[in-house]
């Protein structure tokens, strides 16, 4: 989702751009349950996860010529 949105934003910002290739690290951040501290918002603290890992690659192109 992130790669697609980034590529789409680049295509929208630069009309002469026909294709975007992106390679990003595959990082995940997991929400932490803070309810025991009286905090209901589970997005307040995110903990990095070691798995999965690697790279995510995407090519976003304009339709047509």
PDB file of N, CA and C in Angstrom:
ATOM      1  N   UNK A   1       0.821  -1.191   0.000  1.00  0.00           N
ATOM      2  CA  UNK A   1       0.000   0.000   0.000  1.00  0.00           C
ATOM      3  C   UNK A   1       0.865   1.255   0.000  1.00  0.00           C
ATOM      4  N   UNK A   2       1.903   1.248   0.832  1.00  0.00           N
ATOM      5  CA  UNK A   2       2.773   2.429   0.923  1.00  0.00           C
ATOM      6  C   UNK A   2       3.493   2.678  -0.391  1.00  0.00           C
ATOM      7  N   UNK A   3       4.036   1.618  -0.991  1.00  0.00           N
ATOM      8  CA  UNK A   3       4.734   1.772  -2.275  1.00  0.00           C
ATOM      9  C   UNK A   3       3.790   2.301  -3.345  1.00  0.00           C
ATOM     10  N   UNK A   4       2.610   1.755  -3.404  1.00  0.00           N
ATOM     11  CA  UNK A   4       1.631   2.168  -4.411  1.00  0.00           C
ATOM     12  C   UNK A   4       1.273   3.643  -4.251  1.00  0.00           C
ATOM     13  N   UNK A   5       1.035   4.060  -3.016  1.00  0.00           N
ATOM     14  CA  UNK A   5       0.686   5.463  -2.765  1.00  0.00           C
ATOM     15  C   UNK A   5       1.846   6.393  -3.103  1.00  0.00           C
ATOM     16  N   UNK A   6       3.055   5.995  -2.760  1.00  0.00           N
ATOM     17  CA  UNK A   6       4.225   6.829  -3.068  1.00  0.00           C
ATOM     18  C   UNK A   6       4.410   6.958  -4.575  1.00  0.00           C
ATOM     19  N   UNK A   7       4.301   5.847  -5.297  1.00  0.00           N
ATOM     20  CA  UNK A   7       4.440   5.882  -6.754  1.00  0.00           C
ATOM     21  C   UNK A   7       3.343   6.700  -7.401  1.00  0.00           C
ATOM     22  N   UNK A   8       2.124   6.548  -6.921  1.00  0.00           N
ATOM     23  CA  UNK A   8       0.999   7.324  -7.450  1.00  0.00           C
ATOM     24  C   UNK A   8       1.180   8.812  -7.211  1.00  0.00           C
ATOM     25  N   UNK A   9       1.701   9.176  -6.041  1.00  0.00           N
ATOM     26  CA  UNK A   9       1.950  10.582  -5.736  1.00  0.00           C
ATOM     27  C   UNK A   9       3.017  11.158  -6.656  1.00  0.00           C
ATOM     28  N   UNK A  10       4.047  10.382  -6.949  1.00  0.00           N
ATOM     29  CA  UNK A  10       5.103  10.843  -7.861  1.00  0.00           C
ATOM     30  C   UNK A  10       4.544  11.055  -9.263  1.00  0.00           C
ATOM     31  N   UNK A  11       3.721  10.118  -9.739  1.00  0.00           N
ATOM     32  CA  UNK A  11       3.121  10.259 -11.072  1.00  0.00           C
ATOM     33  C   UNK A  11       2.181  11.466 -11.124  1.00  0.00           C
ATOM     34  N   UNK A  12       1.447  11.707 -10.049  1.00  0.00           N
ATOM     35  CA  UNK A  12       0.526  12.850 -10.009  1.00  0.00           C
ATOM     36  C   UNK A  12       1.287  14.176  -9.978  1.00  0.00           C
ATOM     37  N   UNK A  13       2.431  14.187  -9.323  1.00  0.00           N
ATOM     38  CA  UNK A  13       3.194  15.427  -9.177  1.00  0.00           C
ATOM     39  C   UNK A  13       4.009  15.789 -10.417  1.00  0.00           C
ATOM     40  N   UNK A  14       4.385  14.772 -11.195  1.00  0.00           N
ATOM     41  CA  UNK A  14       5.253  15.010 -12.354  1.00  0.00           C
ATOM     42  C   UNK A  14       4.591  14.395 -13.600  1.00  0.00           C
ATOM     43  N   UNK A  15       3.828  15.173 -14.349  1.00  0.00           N
ATOM     44  CA  UNK A  15       3.108  14.648 -15.508  1.00  0.00           C
ATOM     45  C   UNK A  15       4.012  13.989 -16.556  1.00  0.00           C
ATOM     46  N   UNK A  16       5.250  14.411 -16.678  1.00  0.00           N
ATOM     47  CA  UNK A  16       6.167  13.830 -17.666  1.00  0.00           C
ATOM     48  C   UNK A  16       6.687  12.461 -17.241  1.00  0.00           C
ATOM     49  N   UNK A  17       6.494  12.101 -16.002  1.00  0.00           N
ATOM     50  CA  UNK A  17       6.957  10.818 -15.474  1.00  0.00           C
ATOM     51  C   UNK A  17       5.994   9.722 -15.908  1.00  0.00           C
ATOM     52  N   UNK A  18       6.513   8.667 -16.528  1.00  0.00           N
ATOM     53  CA  UNK A  18       5.663   7.580 -17.011  1.00  0.00           C
ATOM     54  C   UNK A  18       5.736   6.340 -16.129  1.00  0.00           C
ATOM     55  N   UNK A  19       6.823   6.192 -15.373  1.00  0.00           N
ATOM     56  CA  UNK A  19       7.042   4.958 -14.627  1.00  0.00           C
ATOM     57  C   UNK A  19       7.880   5.263 -13.389  1.00  0.00           C
ATOM     58  N   UNK A  20       7.539   4.603 -12.293  1.00  0.00           N
ATOM     59  CA  UNK A  20       8.288   4.736 -11.049  1.00  0.00           C
ATOM     60  C   UNK A  20       8.615   3.339 -10.542  1.00  0.00           C
ATOM     61  N   UNK A  21       9.875   3.096 -10.232  1.00  0.00           N
ATOM     62  CA  UNK A  21      10.293   1.836  -9.620  1.00  0.00           C
ATOM     63  C   UNK A  21      10.774   2.136  -8.210  1.00  0.00           C
ATOM     64  N   UNK A  22      10.237   1.407  -7.244  1.00  0.00           N
ATOM     65  CA  UNK A  22      10.584   1.639  -5.841  1.00  0.00           C
ATOM     66  C   UNK A  22      11.035   0.341  -5.183  1.00  0.00           C
ATOM     67  N   UNK A  23      12.029   0.448  -4.324  1.00  0.00           N
ATOM     68  CA  UNK A  23      12.491  -0.670  -3.503  1.00  0.00           C
ATOM     69  C   UNK A  23      12.639  -0.137  -2.080  1.00  0.00           C
ATOM     70  N   UNK A  24      11.893  -0.725  -1.159  1.00  0.00           N
ATOM     71  CA  UNK A  24      11.914  -0.281   0.235  1.00  0.00           C
ATOM     72  C   UNK A  24      12.096  -1.465   1.167  1.00  0.00           C
ATOM     73  N   UNK A  25      12.615  -1.220   2.357  1.00  0.00           N
ATOM     74  CA  UNK A  25      12.714  -2.307   3.334  1.00  0.00           C
ATOM     75  C   UNK A  25      11.320  -2.717   3.807  1.00  0.00           C
ATOM     76  N   UNK A  26      11.152  -3.984   4.061  1.00  0.00           N
ATOM     77  CA  UNK A  26       9.885  -4.530   4.546  1.00  0.00           C
ATOM     78  C   UNK A  26       9.907  -4.495   6.072  1.00  0.00           C
ATOM     79  N   UNK A  27       9.494  -3.368   6.638  1.00  0.00           N
ATOM     80  CA  UNK A  27       9.497  -3.202   8.088  1.00  0.00           C
ATOM     81  C   UNK A  27       8.068  -3.141   8.602  1.00  0.00           C
ATOM     82  N   UNK A  28       7.843  -3.767   9.742  1.00  0.00           N
ATOM     83  CA  UNK A  28       6.516  -3.756  10.364  1.00  0.00           C
ATOM     84  C   UNK A  28       6.639  -3.240  11.785  1.00  0.00           C
ATOM     85  N   UNK A  29       5.666  -2.437  12.193  1.00  0.00           N
ATOM     86  CA  UNK A  29       5.595  -1.923  13.559  1.00  0.00           C
ATOM     87  C   UNK A  29       4.266  -2.346  14.149  1.00  0.00           C
ATOM     88  N   UNK A  30       4.322  -3.053  15.266  1.00  0.00           N
ATOM     89  CA  UNK A  30       3.118  -3.625  15.870  1.00  0.00           C
ATOM     90  C   UNK A  30       2.624  -2.742  17.017  1.00  0.00           C
ATOM     91  N   UNK A  31       1.309  -2.536  17.084  1.00  0.00           N
ATOM     92  CA  UNK A  31       0.761  -1.745  18.191  1.00  0.00           C
ATOM     93  C   UNK A  31       0.948  -2.480  19.521  1.00  0.00           C
ATOM     94  N   UNK A  32       1.146  -1.732  20.576  1.00  0.00           N
ATOM     95  CA  UNK A  32       1.342  -2.287  21.911  1.00  0.00           C
ATOM     96  C   UNK A  32       0.072  -2.086  22.732  1.00  0.00           C
ATOM     97  N   UNK A  33      -0.342  -3.140  23.422  1.00  0.00           N
ATOM     98  CA  UNK A  33      -1.530  -3.053  24.282  1.00  0.00           C
ATOM     99  C   UNK A  33      -1.167  -2.298  25.561  1.00  0.00           C
ATOM    100  N   UNK A  34      -1.668  -1.088  25.676  1.00  0.00           N
ATOM    101  CA  UNK A  34      -1.379  -0.259  26.851  1.00  0.00           C
ATOM    102  C   UNK A  34      -2.571  -0.158  27.794  1.00  0.00           C
ATOM    103  N   UNK A  35      -3.554  -1.039  27.608  1.00  0.00           N
ATOM    104  CA  UNK A  35      -4.766  -0.963  28.425  1.00  0.00           C
ATOM    105  C   UNK A  35      -4.470  -1.172  29.911  1.00  0.00           C
ATOM    106  N   UNK A  36      -3.464  -1.923  30.248  1.00  0.00           N
ATOM    107  CA  UNK A  36      -3.143  -2.124  31.666  1.00  0.00           C
ATOM    108  C   UNK A  36      -2.633  -0.845  32.332  1.00  0.00           C
ATOM    109  N   UNK A  37      -2.264   0.144  31.517  1.00  0.00           N
ATOM    110  CA  UNK A  37      -1.841   1.441  32.033  1.00  0.00           C
ATOM    111  C   UNK A  37      -2.948   2.485  31.908  1.00  0.00           C
ATOM    112  N   UNK A  38      -4.135   2.024  31.496  1.00  0.00           N
ATOM    113  CA  UNK A  38      -5.268   2.924  31.356  1.00  0.00           C
ATOM    114  C   UNK A  38      -5.261   3.723  30.066  1.00  0.00           C
ATOM    115  N   UNK A  39      -4.490   3.275  29.087  1.00  0.00           N
ATOM    116  CA  UNK A  39      -4.413   3.966  27.796  1.00  0.00           C
ATOM    117  C   UNK A  39      -5.146   3.111  26.768  1.00  0.00           C
ATOM    118  N   UNK A  40      -6.215   3.646  26.199  1.00  0.00           N
ATOM    119  CA  UNK A  40      -7.034   2.876  25.261  1.00  0.00           C
ATOM    120  C   UNK A  40      -6.491   2.924  23.836  1.00  0.00           C
ATOM    121  N   UNK A  41      -5.718   3.945  23.499  1.00  0.00           N
ATOM    122  CA  UNK A  41      -5.220   4.123  22.135  1.00  0.00           C
ATOM    123  C   UNK A  41      -4.063   3.158  21.871  1.00  0.00           C
ATOM    124  N   UNK A  42      -4.332   2.084  21.098  1.00  0.00           N
ATOM    125  CA  UNK A  42      -3.297   1.085  20.834  1.00  0.00           C
ATOM    126  C   UNK A  42      -2.284   1.551  19.794  1.00  0.00           C
ATOM    127  N   UNK A  43      -2.500   2.716  19.177  1.00  0.00           N
ATOM    128  CA  UNK A  43      -1.535   3.217  18.196  1.00  0.00           C
ATOM    129  C   UNK A  43      -0.555   4.198  18.841  1.00  0.00           C
ATOM    130  N   UNK A  44      -0.627   4.367  20.152  1.00  0.00           N
ATOM    131  CA  UNK A  44       0.244   5.326  20.839  1.00  0.00           C
ATOM    132  C   UNK A  44       1.699   4.875  20.826  1.00  0.00           C
ATOM    133  N   UNK A  45       1.936   3.569  20.932  1.00  0.00           N
ATOM    134  CA  UNK A  45       3.296   3.034  20.940  1.00  0.00           C
ATOM    135  C   UNK A  45       3.357   1.880  19.944  1.00  0.00           C
ATOM    136  N   UNK A  46       4.297   1.959  19.013  1.00  0.00           N
ATOM    137  CA  UNK A  46       4.497   0.898  18.032  1.00  0.00           C
ATOM    138  C   UNK A  46       5.880   0.294  18.240  1.00  0.00           C
ATOM    139  N   UNK A  47       5.928  -1.037  18.257  1.00  0.00           N
ATOM    140  CA  UNK A  47       7.175  -1.757  18.496  1.00  0.00           C
ATOM    141  C   UNK A  47       7.633  -2.390  17.190  1.00  0.00           C
ATOM    142  N   UNK A  48       8.896  -2.157  16.774  1.00  0.00           N
ATOM    143  CA  UNK A  48       9.378  -2.780  15.537  1.00  0.00           C
ATOM    144  C   UNK A  48       9.437  -4.296  15.673  1.00  0.00           C
ATOM    145  N   UNK A  49       9.110  -4.985  14.607  1.00  0.00           N
ATOM    146  CA  UNK A  49       9.118  -6.445  14.572  1.00  0.00           C
ATOM    147  C   UNK A  49      10.269  -6.926  13.687  1.00  0.00           C
ATOM    148  N   UNK A  50      10.930  -7.990  14.084  1.00  0.00           N
ATOM    149  CA  UNK A  50      12.034  -8.546  13.296  1.00  0.00           C
ATOM    150  C   UNK A  50      11.524  -9.349  12.101  1.00  0.00           C
ATOM    151  N   UNK A  51      10.306  -9.815  12.150  1.00  0.00           N
ATOM    152  CA  UNK A  51       9.738 -10.619  11.066  1.00  0.00           C
ATOM    153  C   UNK A  51       8.441  -9.998  10.598  1.00  0.00           C
ATOM    154  N   UNK A  52       8.056 -10.017   9.367  1.00  0.00           N
ATOM    155  CA  UNK A  52       8.901 -10.380   8.230  1.00  0.00           C
ATOM    156  C   UNK A  52       9.917  -9.280   7.952  1.00  0.00           C
ATOM    157  N   UNK A  53      10.895  -9.614   7.166  1.00  0.00           N
ATOM    158  CA  UNK A  53      11.922  -8.640   6.822  1.00  0.00           C
ATOM    159  C   UNK A  53      12.342  -8.854   5.376  1.00  0.00           C
ATOM    160  N   UNK A  54      13.177  -8.015   4.870  1.00  0.00           N
ATOM    161  CA  UNK A  54      13.616  -8.113   3.479  1.00  0.00           C
ATOM    162  C   UNK A  54      13.312  -6.827   2.747  1.00  0.00           C
ATOM    163  N   UNK A  55      12.979  -6.956   1.462  1.00  0.00           N
ATOM    164  CA  UNK A  55      12.661  -5.789   0.647  1.00  0.00           C
ATOM    165  C   UNK A  55      11.349  -5.999  -0.079  1.00  0.00           C
ATOM    166  N   UNK A  56      10.667  -4.899  -0.342  1.00  0.00           N
ATOM    167  CA  UNK A  56       9.458  -4.912  -1.150  1.00  0.00           C
ATOM    168  C   UNK A  56       9.747  -4.049  -2.368  1.00  0.00           C
ATOM    169  N   UNK A  57       9.403  -4.563  -3.544  1.00  0.00           N
ATOM    170  CA  UNK A  57       9.657  -3.842  -4.791  1.00  0.00           C
ATOM    171  C   UNK A  57       8.342  -3.625  -5.528  1.00  0.00           C
ATOM    172  N   UNK A  58       8.244  -2.476  -6.228  1.00  0.00           N
ATOM    173  CA  UNK A  58       7.033  -2.180  -6.989  1.00  0.00           C
ATOM    174  C   UNK A  58       7.388  -1.319  -8.189  1.00  0.00           C
ATOM    175  N   UNK A  59       6.611  -1.500  -9.255  1.00  0.00           N
ATOM    176  CA  UNK A  59       6.690  -0.641 -10.444  1.00  0.00           C
ATOM    177  C   UNK A  59       5.295  -0.084 -10.664  1.00  0.00           C
ATOM    178  N   UNK A  60       5.188   1.231 -10.704  1.00  0.00           N
ATOM    179  CA  UNK A  60       3.905   1.896 -10.939  1.00  0.00           C
ATOM    180  C   UNK A  60       4.039   2.666 -12.234  1.00  0.00           C
ATOM    181  N   UNK A  61       3.109   2.411 -13.170  1.00  0.00           N
ATOM    182  CA  UNK A  61       3.159   3.047 -14.491  1.00  0.00           C
ATOM    183  C   UNK A  61       1.833   3.721 -14.797  1.00  0.00           C
ATOM    184  N   UNK A  62       1.913   4.693 -15.679  1.00  0.00           N
ATOM    185  CA  UNK A  62       0.691   5.321 -16.194  1.00  0.00           C
ATOM    186  C   UNK A  62       0.024   4.372 -17.204  1.00  0.00           C
ATOM    187  N   UNK A  63      -1.294   4.453 -17.313  1.00  0.00           N
ATOM    188  CA  UNK A  63      -2.027   3.688 -18.323  1.00  0.00           C
ATOM    189  C   UNK A  63      -1.875   4.360 -19.678  1.00  0.00           C
ATOM    190  N   UNK A  64      -1.805   3.576 -20.715  1.00  0.00           N
ATOM    191  CA  UNK A  64      -1.807   4.113 -22.087  1.00  0.00           C
ATOM    192  C   UNK A  64      -0.499   4.728 -22.491  1.00  0.00           C
ATOM    193  N   UNK A  65      -0.474   5.222 -23.747  1.00  0.00           N
ATOM    194  CA  UNK A  65       0.764   5.806 -24.272  1.00  0.00           C
ATOM    195  C   UNK A  65       1.074   7.167 -23.693  1.00  0.00           C
TER     196      UNK A  65
END
